[in-house]
């Protein structure tokens, strides 16, 4: 697999709506290789989530690092249900994800983004969500998630809808962008 370039704001693709993937395409080797490259890119950049537009694709795919998920926190922090673990570079792969339910209860936490290096801000998001997506095996999944998993899914689905976290920032917690250490940027 390959490390892909990460597109930085204000690249136009970061503001465009993504396109659903035909379920027949999910088992295609090119798509599977692309997903593995996304996972490798996210890991290499030390990210916890990555959406296809961040690597120059209009496909409706995002991935989330297993690093924020553990069996011990399954019921407590993430309230994760109906999740079948996948082995894709230790990432959860969400194909054609749509948030179908959001809790009324919200939480404010700091966020950052690989496409906006060095900028952080607090964002108010629903504490818990229900998301419907297709997994890497082509199976439909309805996942209920809370805690950090919920937050990261919302952040990545926003990317798929052309929305950046800076559109939702309540208060910036950093004011000057750092020069990205990640060597692959566009």
C-alpha atoms as a PDB file:
ATOM      1  CA  UNK A   1       0.000   0.000   0.000  1.00  0.00           C
ATOM      2  CA  UNK A   2       1.032   3.612  -0.332  1.00  0.00           C
ATOM      3  CA  UNK A   3       1.124   6.681   1.843  1.00  0.00           C
ATOM      4  CA  UNK A   4      -1.270   9.167   0.235  1.00  0.00           C
ATOM      5  CA  UNK A   5      -0.922  12.968   0.212  1.00  0.00           C
ATOM      6  CA  UNK A   6      -3.110  14.737   2.762  1.00  0.00           C
ATOM      7  CA  UNK A   7      -4.990  17.704   1.329  1.00  0.00           C
ATOM      8  CA  UNK A   8      -4.919  20.859   3.417  1.00  0.00           C
ATOM      9  CA  UNK A   9      -7.533  23.583   3.823  1.00  0.00           C
ATOM     10  CA  UNK A  10      -8.404  25.496   1.573  1.00  0.00           C
ATOM     11  CA  UNK A  11      -8.212  22.722  -1.064  1.00  0.00           C
ATOM     12  CA  UNK A  12     -11.538  22.686  -2.921  1.00  0.00           C
ATOM     13  CA  UNK A  13     -12.173  18.939  -2.471  1.00  0.00           C
ATOM     14  CA  UNK A  14     -12.453  19.422   1.307  1.00  0.00           C
ATOM     15  CA  UNK A  15     -15.625  21.476   0.712  1.00  0.00           C
ATOM     16  CA  UNK A  16     -17.320  19.102  -1.730  1.00  0.00           C
ATOM     17  CA  UNK A  17     -19.976  16.479  -1.031  1.00  0.00           C
ATOM     18  CA  UNK A  18     -18.797  12.909  -1.510  1.00  0.00           C
ATOM     19  CA  UNK A  19     -20.462  10.246  -3.633  1.00  0.00           C
ATOM     20  CA  UNK A  20     -21.837   6.938  -2.374  1.00  0.00           C
ATOM     21  CA  UNK A  21     -19.981   3.804  -3.373  1.00  0.00           C
ATOM     22  CA  UNK A  22     -21.864   1.103  -5.250  1.00  0.00           C
ATOM     23  CA  UNK A  23     -21.979  -1.938  -2.978  1.00  0.00           C
ATOM     24  CA  UNK A  24     -20.758  -4.108  -5.888  1.00  0.00           C
ATOM     25  CA  UNK A  25     -17.508  -2.094  -5.855  1.00  0.00           C
ATOM     26  CA  UNK A  26     -16.687  -2.840  -2.186  1.00  0.00           C
ATOM     27  CA  UNK A  27     -14.872  -6.100  -2.915  1.00  0.00           C
ATOM     28  CA  UNK A  28     -12.949  -4.550  -5.826  1.00  0.00           C
ATOM     29  CA  UNK A  29      -9.190  -4.822  -5.294  1.00  0.00           C
ATOM     30  CA  UNK A  30      -8.609  -1.158  -6.212  1.00  0.00           C
ATOM     31  CA  UNK A  31     -11.071   0.029  -3.571  1.00  0.00           C
ATOM     32  CA  UNK A  32      -9.684  -2.376  -0.960  1.00  0.00           C
ATOM     33  CA  UNK A  33      -6.140  -1.153  -1.719  1.00  0.00           C
ATOM     34  CA  UNK A  34      -7.308   2.475  -1.457  1.00  0.00           C
ATOM     35  CA  UNK A  35      -8.832   1.781   1.968  1.00  0.00           C
ATOM     36  CA  UNK A  36      -5.609   0.133   3.162  1.00  0.00           C
ATOM     37  CA  UNK A  37      -3.640   3.125   1.873  1.00  0.00           C
ATOM     38  CA  UNK A  38      -5.989   5.454   3.771  1.00  0.00           C
ATOM     39  CA  UNK A  39      -5.362   3.464   6.958  1.00  0.00           C
ATOM     40  CA  UNK A  40      -1.616   3.522   6.418  1.00  0.00           C
ATOM     41  CA  UNK A  41      -1.721   7.265   5.719  1.00  0.00           C
ATOM     42  CA  UNK A  42      -3.754   7.953   8.871  1.00  0.00           C
ATOM     43  CA  UNK A  43      -1.390   5.861  11.006  1.00  0.00           C
ATOM     44  CA  UNK A  44       1.697   7.479   9.477  1.00  0.00           C
ATOM     45  CA  UNK A  45       0.276  10.964  10.139  1.00  0.00           C
ATOM     46  CA  UNK A  46      -0.622   9.951  13.725  1.00  0.00           C
ATOM     47  CA  UNK A  47      -4.304  10.671  13.142  1.00  0.00           C
ATOM     48  CA  UNK A  48      -7.302   9.010  14.748  1.00  0.00           C
ATOM     49  CA  UNK A  49      -9.616   9.435  11.774  1.00  0.00           C
ATOM     50  CA  UNK A  50      -9.390  10.124   8.059  1.00  0.00           C
ATOM     51  CA  UNK A  51     -11.992  10.777   5.360  1.00  0.00           C
ATOM     52  CA  UNK A  52     -11.509  10.140   1.644  1.00  0.00           C
ATOM     53  CA  UNK A  53     -11.630  13.861   0.658  1.00  0.00           C
ATOM     54  CA  UNK A  54      -8.589  14.436   2.880  1.00  0.00           C
ATOM     55  CA  UNK A  55      -6.618  12.243   0.484  1.00  0.00           C
ATOM     56  CA  UNK A  56      -8.164  13.643  -2.687  1.00  0.00           C
ATOM     57  CA  UNK A  57     -11.083  11.269  -3.284  1.00  0.00           C
ATOM     58  CA  UNK A  58     -14.802  12.036  -3.544  1.00  0.00           C
ATOM     59  CA  UNK A  59     -15.713   8.527  -2.351  1.00  0.00           C
ATOM     60  CA  UNK A  60     -17.929   8.305   0.747  1.00  0.00           C
ATOM     61  CA  UNK A  61     -15.455   6.440   2.976  1.00  0.00           C
ATOM     62  CA  UNK A  62     -13.891   7.223   6.311  1.00  0.00           C
ATOM     63  CA  UNK A  63     -11.747   5.255   8.703  1.00  0.00           C
ATOM     64  CA  UNK A  64     -11.178   5.494  12.424  1.00  0.00           C
ATOM     65  CA  UNK A  65      -8.201   4.218  14.376  1.00  0.00           C
ATOM     66  CA  UNK A  66      -8.701   1.300  16.740  1.00  0.00           C
ATOM     67  CA  UNK A  67      -6.536   3.323  19.125  1.00  0.00           C
ATOM     68  CA  UNK A  68      -9.647   5.003  20.533  1.00  0.00           C
ATOM     69  CA  UNK A  69     -11.537   1.734  20.880  1.00  0.00           C
ATOM     70  CA  UNK A  70     -11.008  -1.011  23.435  1.00  0.00           C
ATOM     71  CA  UNK A  71     -13.111  -3.843  24.823  1.00  0.00           C
ATOM     72  CA  UNK A  72     -12.805  -2.354  28.329  1.00  0.00           C
ATOM     73  CA  UNK A  73     -14.504   0.882  27.283  1.00  0.00           C
ATOM     74  CA  UNK A  74     -16.983  -0.773  24.912  1.00  0.00           C
ATOM     75  CA  UNK A  75     -20.037  -0.412  27.133  1.00  0.00           C
ATOM     76  CA  UNK A  76     -18.891   2.495  29.326  1.00  0.00           C
ATOM     77  CA  UNK A  77     -17.354   5.232  27.227  1.00  0.00           C
ATOM     78  CA  UNK A  78     -18.316   4.384  23.661  1.00  0.00           C
ATOM     79  CA  UNK A  79     -21.622   2.579  24.222  1.00  0.00           C
ATOM     80  CA  UNK A  80     -20.798   0.649  21.092  1.00  0.00           C
ATOM     81  CA  UNK A  81     -23.359  -1.880  19.874  1.00  0.00           C
ATOM     82  CA  UNK A  82     -23.698  -4.010  16.752  1.00  0.00           C
ATOM     83  CA  UNK A  83     -20.018  -3.688  15.874  1.00  0.00           C
ATOM     84  CA  UNK A  84     -18.073  -6.482  14.252  1.00  0.00           C
ATOM     85  CA  UNK A  85     -14.279  -5.881  14.523  1.00  0.00           C
ATOM     86  CA  UNK A  86     -12.441  -5.539  11.223  1.00  0.00           C
ATOM     87  CA  UNK A  87      -8.768  -6.103  10.517  1.00  0.00           C
ATOM     88  CA  UNK A  88      -7.861  -3.206   8.238  1.00  0.00           C
ATOM     89  CA  UNK A  89      -4.645  -1.741   9.602  1.00  0.00           C
ATOM     90  CA  UNK A  90      -6.355  -1.582  13.017  1.00  0.00           C
ATOM     91  CA  UNK A  91      -9.051   0.720  11.650  1.00  0.00           C
ATOM     92  CA  UNK A  92     -12.829   0.781  11.621  1.00  0.00           C
ATOM     93  CA  UNK A  93     -13.931   1.305   8.007  1.00  0.00           C
ATOM     94  CA  UNK A  94     -17.216   3.111   7.319  1.00  0.00           C
ATOM     95  CA  UNK A  95     -18.428   3.035   3.715  1.00  0.00           C
ATOM     96  CA  UNK A  96     -21.410   5.252   2.814  1.00  0.00           C
ATOM     97  CA  UNK A  97     -21.905   6.333   6.445  1.00  0.00           C
ATOM     98  CA  UNK A  98     -24.940   8.380   7.400  1.00  0.00           C
ATOM     99  CA  UNK A  99     -25.797   9.539  10.891  1.00  0.00           C
ATOM    100  CA  UNK A 100     -29.407   8.524  11.408  1.00  0.00           C
ATOM    101  CA  UNK A 101     -29.900   9.633  15.004  1.00  0.00           C
ATOM    102  CA  UNK A 102     -28.244  12.133  17.361  1.00  0.00           C
ATOM    103  CA  UNK A 103     -28.755  12.476  21.091  1.00  0.00           C
ATOM    104  CA  UNK A 104     -30.174  15.713  22.425  1.00  0.00           C
ATOM    105  CA  UNK A 105     -27.453  15.723  25.064  1.00  0.00           C
ATOM    106  CA  UNK A 106     -24.337  17.519  23.800  1.00  0.00           C
ATOM    107  CA  UNK A 107     -20.733  17.734  24.904  1.00  0.00           C
ATOM    108  CA  UNK A 108     -18.040  20.331  24.175  1.00  0.00           C
ATOM    109  CA  UNK A 109     -14.510  19.047  23.547  1.00  0.00           C
ATOM    110  CA  UNK A 110     -11.373  20.108  21.703  1.00  0.00           C
ATOM    111  CA  UNK A 111     -10.828  18.940  18.121  1.00  0.00           C
ATOM    112  CA  UNK A 112      -8.098  19.179  15.533  1.00  0.00           C
ATOM    113  CA  UNK A 113      -7.693  17.913  11.980  1.00  0.00           C
ATOM    114  CA  UNK A 114      -4.933  16.511   9.763  1.00  0.00           C
ATOM    115  CA  UNK A 115      -6.140  18.864   6.995  1.00  0.00           C
ATOM    116  CA  UNK A 116      -5.801  21.921   9.256  1.00  0.00           C
ATOM    117  CA  UNK A 117      -2.509  21.310  11.093  1.00  0.00           C
ATOM    118  CA  UNK A 118      -1.782  23.243  14.273  1.00  0.00           C
ATOM    119  CA  UNK A 119      -5.310  24.593  14.713  1.00  0.00           C
ATOM    120  CA  UNK A 120      -7.478  23.342  17.577  1.00  0.00           C
ATOM    121  CA  UNK A 121     -10.805  24.475  18.929  1.00  0.00           C
ATOM    122  CA  UNK A 122     -13.721  23.398  21.061  1.00  0.00           C
ATOM    123  CA  UNK A 123     -16.717  21.988  19.230  1.00  0.00           C
ATOM    124  CA  UNK A 124     -20.179  21.132  20.592  1.00  0.00           C
ATOM    125  CA  UNK A 125     -21.499  17.804  19.311  1.00  0.00           C
ATOM    126  CA  UNK A 126     -24.126  15.254  20.300  1.00  0.00           C
ATOM    127  CA  UNK A 127     -22.858  12.902  23.005  1.00  0.00           C
ATOM    128  CA  UNK A 128     -24.213   9.813  21.260  1.00  0.00           C
ATOM    129  CA  UNK A 129     -25.107   8.937  17.673  1.00  0.00           C
ATOM    130  CA  UNK A 130     -26.475   6.112  15.618  1.00  0.00           C
ATOM    131  CA  UNK A 131     -24.732   5.680  12.268  1.00  0.00           C
ATOM    132  CA  UNK A 132     -25.659   3.407   9.369  1.00  0.00           C
ATOM    133  CA  UNK A 133     -22.870   2.284   7.041  1.00  0.00           C
ATOM    134  CA  UNK A 134     -21.490  -0.587   4.981  1.00  0.00           C
ATOM    135  CA  UNK A 135     -18.465  -2.411   6.388  1.00  0.00           C
ATOM    136  CA  UNK A 136     -15.425  -3.626   4.462  1.00  0.00           C
ATOM    137  CA  UNK A 137     -17.176  -6.963   3.814  1.00  0.00           C
ATOM    138  CA  UNK A 138     -20.195  -5.270   2.212  1.00  0.00           C
ATOM    139  CA  UNK A 139     -22.487  -5.820   5.205  1.00  0.00           C
ATOM    140  CA  UNK A 140     -24.865  -3.088   6.408  1.00  0.00           C
ATOM    141  CA  UNK A 141     -24.167  -2.058  10.006  1.00  0.00           C
ATOM    142  CA  UNK A 142     -26.131   0.187  12.350  1.00  0.00           C
ATOM    143  CA  UNK A 143     -23.801   1.291  15.126  1.00  0.00           C
ATOM    144  CA  UNK A 144     -24.646   3.202  18.279  1.00  0.00           C
ATOM    145  CA  UNK A 145     -21.605   5.059  19.594  1.00  0.00           C
ATOM    146  CA  UNK A 146     -20.850   7.479  22.400  1.00  0.00           C
ATOM    147  CA  UNK A 147     -17.754   9.188  23.796  1.00  0.00           C
ATOM    148  CA  UNK A 148     -14.743   9.748  21.567  1.00  0.00           C
ATOM    149  CA  UNK A 149     -15.896   7.241  18.970  1.00  0.00           C
ATOM    150  CA  UNK A 150     -19.087   9.246  18.474  1.00  0.00           C
ATOM    151  CA  UNK A 151     -17.101  12.469  18.166  1.00  0.00           C
ATOM    152  CA  UNK A 152     -14.622  11.078  15.642  1.00  0.00           C
ATOM    153  CA  UNK A 153     -17.386   9.554  13.504  1.00  0.00           C
ATOM    154  CA  UNK A 154     -19.208  12.909  13.467  1.00  0.00           C
ATOM    155  CA  UNK A 155     -15.995  14.751  12.546  1.00  0.00           C
ATOM    156  CA  UNK A 156     -15.254  12.336   9.675  1.00  0.00           C
ATOM    157  CA  UNK A 157     -18.848  12.277   8.372  1.00  0.00           C
ATOM    158  CA  UNK A 158     -18.696  16.095   8.350  1.00  0.00           C
ATOM    159  CA  UNK A 159     -15.681  15.786   6.012  1.00  0.00           C
ATOM    160  CA  UNK A 160     -17.767  13.577   3.716  1.00  0.00           C
ATOM    161  CA  UNK A 161     -20.367  16.357   3.624  1.00  0.00           C
ATOM    162  CA  UNK A 162     -17.855  19.124   2.852  1.00  0.00           C
ATOM    163  CA  UNK A 163     -17.853  20.500   6.424  1.00  0.00           C
ATOM    164  CA  UNK A 164     -14.705  21.226   8.435  1.00  0.00           C
ATOM    165  CA  UNK A 165     -14.502  21.326  12.224  1.00  0.00           C
ATOM    166  CA  UNK A 166     -13.555  25.009  11.992  1.00  0.00           C
ATOM    167  CA  UNK A 167     -17.109  25.665  10.746  1.00  0.00           C
ATOM    168  CA  UNK A 168     -18.354  24.541  14.163  1.00  0.00           C
ATOM    169  CA  UNK A 169     -15.677  25.890  16.515  1.00  0.00           C
ATOM    170  CA  UNK A 170     -17.006  27.679  19.588  1.00  0.00           C
ATOM    171  CA  UNK A 171     -13.585  28.849  20.725  1.00  0.00           C
ATOM    172  CA  UNK A 172     -10.125  28.371  19.260  1.00  0.00           C
ATOM    173  CA  UNK A 173      -7.591  26.918  21.673  1.00  0.00           C
ATOM    174  CA  UNK A 174      -4.604  27.624  19.413  1.00  0.00           C
ATOM    175  CA  UNK A 175      -4.067  30.646  17.239  1.00  0.00           C
ATOM    176  CA  UNK A 176      -1.153  29.940  14.957  1.00  0.00           C
ATOM    177  CA  UNK A 177      -0.778  27.027  12.595  1.00  0.00           C
ATOM    178  CA  UNK A 178       2.259  24.842  13.024  1.00  0.00           C
ATOM    179  CA  UNK A 179       4.304  23.786  10.027  1.00  0.00           C
ATOM    180  CA  UNK A 180       3.132  20.249   9.423  1.00  0.00           C
ATOM    181  CA  UNK A 181       5.728  17.591  10.167  1.00  0.00           C
ATOM    182  CA  UNK A 182       3.872  15.179   7.926  1.00  0.00           C
ATOM    183  CA  UNK A 183       5.815  15.169   4.650  1.00  0.00           C
ATOM    184  CA  UNK A 184       2.942  14.300   2.334  1.00  0.00           C
ATOM    185  CA  UNK A 185       0.735  17.364   1.990  1.00  0.00           C
ATOM    186  CA  UNK A 186      -0.981  19.036  -0.930  1.00  0.00           C
END
